[in-house]
Amino acid sequence: MSTVKVDTIKTTGNVEVYTCKAWVNFDGTGTVAIRASGNVSSITDVAVGRYEVNFTNSFADINYACVTGINLNTTSGGSNNYNRSAVANAGTVSKAYFNTYPDSTTSLVDVTVNQLAVFR
């Protein structure tokens, strides 16, 4: 397998292509476990529904964007139509914060399937 190393990728129209710099799919219930990841070294279970996603390689600054996703489940309360949401934001150059909510309230809940992608 070959490795290609470049500083910038651009289209033929000279538009820069931005790639995902870190991503993770993890189980946020019980003992937190990473299913698959790229540039994520570990997940810290801070409290119910609150996690820290720790990067293998730190970013140059905290000006990165986090995109989240969670799958509905019945293992931590509610039913399949239970409204859940996830919020992630840049924490430091070495980790992002990830929170999961059952609905529009401020309470937090653990979720079985959590996804995070980070772009910079």
C-alpha atoms as a PDB file:
ATOM      1  CA  MET A   1       0.000   0.000   0.000  1.00  0.00           C
ATOM      2  CA  SER A   2       1.282   3.459  -0.912  1.00  0.00           C
ATOM      3  CA  THR A   3       0.967   6.686   1.024  1.00  0.00           C
ATOM      4  CA  VAL A   4       0.431  10.015  -0.721  1.00  0.00           C
ATOM      5  CA  LYS A   5       1.433  13.109   1.264  1.00  0.00           C
ATOM      6  CA  VAL A   6       0.402  16.586   0.138  1.00  0.00           C
ATOM      7  CA  ASP A   7      -0.249  19.918   1.836  1.00  0.00           C
ATOM      8  CA  THR A   8      -3.305  20.930  -0.194  1.00  0.00           C
ATOM      9  CA  ILE A   9      -5.689  19.130  -2.547  1.00  0.00           C
ATOM     10  CA  LYS A  10      -7.489  21.228  -5.175  1.00  0.00           C
ATOM     11  CA  THR A  11      -9.961  20.491  -7.933  1.00  0.00           C
ATOM     12  CA  THR A  12      -9.143  21.280 -11.542  1.00  0.00           C
ATOM     13  CA  GLY A  13     -11.145  24.503 -10.966  1.00  0.00           C
ATOM     14  CA  ASN A  14      -8.622  25.479  -8.220  1.00  0.00           C
ATOM     15  CA  VAL A  15     -11.122  24.932  -5.360  1.00  0.00           C
ATOM     16  CA  GLU A  16      -9.553  23.493  -2.212  1.00  0.00           C
ATOM     17  CA  VAL A  17     -10.886  20.086  -1.090  1.00  0.00           C
ATOM     18  CA  TYR A  18     -11.354  19.745   2.664  1.00  0.00           C
ATOM     19  CA  THR A  19     -11.184  16.277   4.122  1.00  0.00           C
ATOM     20  CA  CYS A  20     -12.332  14.794   7.406  1.00  0.00           C
ATOM     21  CA  LYS A  21      -9.482  15.171   9.924  1.00  0.00           C
ATOM     22  CA  ALA A  22     -10.914  12.877  12.614  1.00  0.00           C
ATOM     23  CA  TRP A  23     -13.934  10.577  12.973  1.00  0.00           C
ATOM     24  CA  VAL A  24     -15.318   8.027  15.400  1.00  0.00           C
ATOM     25  CA  ASN A  25     -18.235   5.643  15.905  1.00  0.00           C
ATOM     26  CA  PHE A  26     -18.605   4.617  19.556  1.00  0.00           C
ATOM     27  CA  ASP A  27     -20.903   2.957  22.082  1.00  0.00           C
ATOM     28  CA  GLY A  28     -21.784   5.507  24.765  1.00  0.00           C
ATOM     29  CA  THR A  29     -23.473   3.091  27.199  1.00  0.00           C
ATOM     30  CA  GLY A  30     -21.910   1.021  29.972  1.00  0.00           C
ATOM     31  CA  THR A  31     -18.186   0.820  29.329  1.00  0.00           C
ATOM     32  CA  VAL A  32     -17.655   3.293  26.496  1.00  0.00           C
ATOM     33  CA  ALA A  33     -16.080   1.580  23.481  1.00  0.00           C
ATOM     34  CA  ILE A  34     -14.844   2.775  20.091  1.00  0.00           C
ATOM     35  CA  ARG A  35     -16.186   0.642  17.227  1.00  0.00           C
ATOM     36  CA  ALA A  36     -14.096   2.320  14.511  1.00  0.00           C
ATOM     37  CA  SER A  37     -12.196   5.590  14.190  1.00  0.00           C
ATOM     38  CA  GLY A  38      -9.611   7.692  12.447  1.00  0.00           C
ATOM     39  CA  ASN A  39      -7.317  10.083  14.354  1.00  0.00           C
ATOM     40  CA  VAL A  40      -9.217   9.359  17.595  1.00  0.00           C
ATOM     41  CA  SER A  41      -7.190   7.743  20.370  1.00  0.00           C
ATOM     42  CA  SER A  42      -9.911   7.317  23.011  1.00  0.00           C
ATOM     43  CA  ILE A  43     -13.283   8.404  24.384  1.00  0.00           C
ATOM     44  CA  THR A  44     -13.568   9.689  27.948  1.00  0.00           C
ATOM     45  CA  ASP A  45     -16.925   9.047  29.645  1.00  0.00           C
ATOM     46  CA  VAL A  46     -17.277  12.254  31.684  1.00  0.00           C
ATOM     47  CA  ALA A  47     -20.859  11.725  32.929  1.00  0.00           C
ATOM     48  CA  VAL A  48     -24.242  10.493  31.665  1.00  0.00           C
ATOM     49  CA  GLY A  49     -24.522  11.650  28.042  1.00  0.00           C
ATOM     50  CA  ARG A  50     -21.261  13.628  28.217  1.00  0.00           C
ATOM     51  CA  TYR A  51     -18.036  12.529  26.509  1.00  0.00           C
ATOM     52  CA  GLU A  52     -14.651  13.816  25.463  1.00  0.00           C
ATOM     53  CA  VAL A  53     -13.303  12.639  22.111  1.00  0.00           C
ATOM     54  CA  ASN A  54      -9.506  12.572  22.330  1.00  0.00           C
ATOM     55  CA  PHE A  55      -7.516  13.047  19.112  1.00  0.00           C
ATOM     56  CA  THR A  56      -4.440  11.002  18.234  1.00  0.00           C
ATOM     57  CA  ASN A  57      -2.869  14.020  16.503  1.00  0.00           C
ATOM     58  CA  SER A  58      -3.737  17.460  17.850  1.00  0.00           C
ATOM     59  CA  PHE A  59      -5.058  20.259  15.654  1.00  0.00           C
ATOM     60  CA  ALA A  60      -3.151  23.534  15.132  1.00  0.00           C
ATOM     61  CA  ASP A  61      -6.018  25.479  16.768  1.00  0.00           C
ATOM     62  CA  ILE A  62      -9.627  25.039  17.933  1.00  0.00           C
ATOM     63  CA  ASN A  63     -11.168  26.422  14.737  1.00  0.00           C
ATOM     64  CA  TYR A  64     -12.525  23.063  13.584  1.00  0.00           C
ATOM     65  CA  ALA A  65     -16.109  21.985  12.907  1.00  0.00           C
ATOM     66  CA  CYS A  66     -17.824  18.965  14.442  1.00  0.00           C
ATOM     67  CA  VAL A  67     -20.618  17.020  12.738  1.00  0.00           C
ATOM     68  CA  THR A  68     -22.574  14.585  14.911  1.00  0.00           C
ATOM     69  CA  GLY A  69     -24.995  11.746  14.560  1.00  0.00           C
ATOM     70  CA  ILE A  70     -26.656   9.259  16.891  1.00  0.00           C
ATOM     71  CA  ASN A  71     -28.847   6.246  16.256  1.00  0.00           C
ATOM     72  CA  LEU A  72     -32.135   5.667  18.022  1.00  0.00           C
ATOM     73  CA  ASN A  73     -32.166   2.805  20.491  1.00  0.00           C
ATOM     74  CA  THR A  74     -34.239   1.421  23.304  1.00  0.00           C
ATOM     75  CA  THR A  75     -31.463   0.364  25.689  1.00  0.00           C
ATOM     76  CA  SER A  76     -31.263   3.648  27.586  1.00  0.00           C
ATOM     77  CA  GLY A  77     -34.922   4.536  27.882  1.00  0.00           C
ATOM     78  CA  GLY A  78     -37.582   5.725  25.496  1.00  0.00           C
ATOM     79  CA  SER A  79     -38.838   4.021  22.382  1.00  0.00           C
ATOM     80  CA  ASN A  80     -37.763   3.934  18.744  1.00  0.00           C
ATOM     81  CA  ASN A  81     -39.548   7.224  18.077  1.00  0.00           C
ATOM     82  CA  TYR A  82     -37.810   8.918  20.999  1.00  0.00           C
ATOM     83  CA  ASN A  83     -36.272  12.196  19.807  1.00  0.00           C
ATOM     84  CA  ARG A  84     -32.536  12.343  20.483  1.00  0.00           C
ATOM     85  CA  SER A  85     -29.910  14.876  19.522  1.00  0.00           C
ATOM     86  CA  ALA A  86     -26.150  15.226  19.828  1.00  0.00           C
ATOM     87  CA  VAL A  87     -24.065  18.355  20.130  1.00  0.00           C
ATOM     88  CA  ALA A  88     -20.308  18.488  19.755  1.00  0.00           C
ATOM     89  CA  ASN A  89     -17.976  21.421  19.825  1.00  0.00           C
ATOM     90  CA  ALA A  90     -14.295  22.186  19.743  1.00  0.00           C
ATOM     91  CA  GLY A  91     -12.834  21.853  23.193  1.00  0.00           C
ATOM     92  CA  THR A  92      -9.080  22.079  22.862  1.00  0.00           C
ATOM     93  CA  VAL A  93      -6.570  21.246  20.147  1.00  0.00           C
ATOM     94  CA  SER A  94      -6.454  17.680  21.514  1.00  0.00           C
ATOM     95  CA  LYS A  95     -10.142  16.898  22.193  1.00  0.00           C
ATOM     96  CA  ALA A  96     -13.744  17.748  21.340  1.00  0.00           C
ATOM     97  CA  TYR A  97     -16.755  17.671  23.658  1.00  0.00           C
ATOM     98  CA  PHE A  98     -19.758  15.484  22.741  1.00  0.00           C
ATOM     99  CA  ASN A  99     -23.156  15.556  24.526  1.00  0.00           C
ATOM    100  CA  THR A 100     -26.332  13.529  23.867  1.00  0.00           C
ATOM    101  CA  TYR A 101     -29.845  14.665  24.782  1.00  0.00           C
ATOM    102  CA  PRO A 102     -33.157  12.746  24.866  1.00  0.00           C
ATOM    103  CA  ASP A 103     -35.163  15.702  23.515  1.00  0.00           C
ATOM    104  CA  SER A 104     -35.144  19.497  23.644  1.00  0.00           C
ATOM    105  CA  THR A 105     -34.565  19.518  27.422  1.00  0.00           C
ATOM    106  CA  THR A 106     -31.221  20.122  29.077  1.00  0.00           C
ATOM    107  CA  SER A 107     -31.029  16.627  30.590  1.00  0.00           C
ATOM    108  CA  LEU A 108     -28.446  14.217  29.174  1.00  0.00           C
ATOM    109  CA  VAL A 109     -28.783  10.524  28.294  1.00  0.00           C
ATOM    110  CA  ASP A 110     -26.392   7.757  27.203  1.00  0.00           C
ATOM    111  CA  VAL A 111     -26.873   6.531  23.622  1.00  0.00           C
ATOM    112  CA  THR A 112     -25.677   3.254  22.096  1.00  0.00           C
ATOM    113  CA  VAL A 113     -24.478   4.503  18.694  1.00  0.00           C
ATOM    114  CA  ASN A 114     -22.663   7.860  18.478  1.00  0.00           C
ATOM    115  CA  GLN A 115     -20.838   9.319  15.482  1.00  0.00           C
ATOM    116  CA  LEU A 116     -18.558  12.336  15.189  1.00  0.00           C
ATOM    117  CA  ALA A 117     -16.683  13.740  12.188  1.00  0.00           C
ATOM    118  CA  VAL A 118     -14.279  16.674  12.494  1.00  0.00           C
ATOM    119  CA  PHE A 119     -13.304  18.997   9.650  1.00  0.00           C
ATOM    120  CA  ARG A 120     -10.604  21.681   9.534  1.00  0.00           C
END
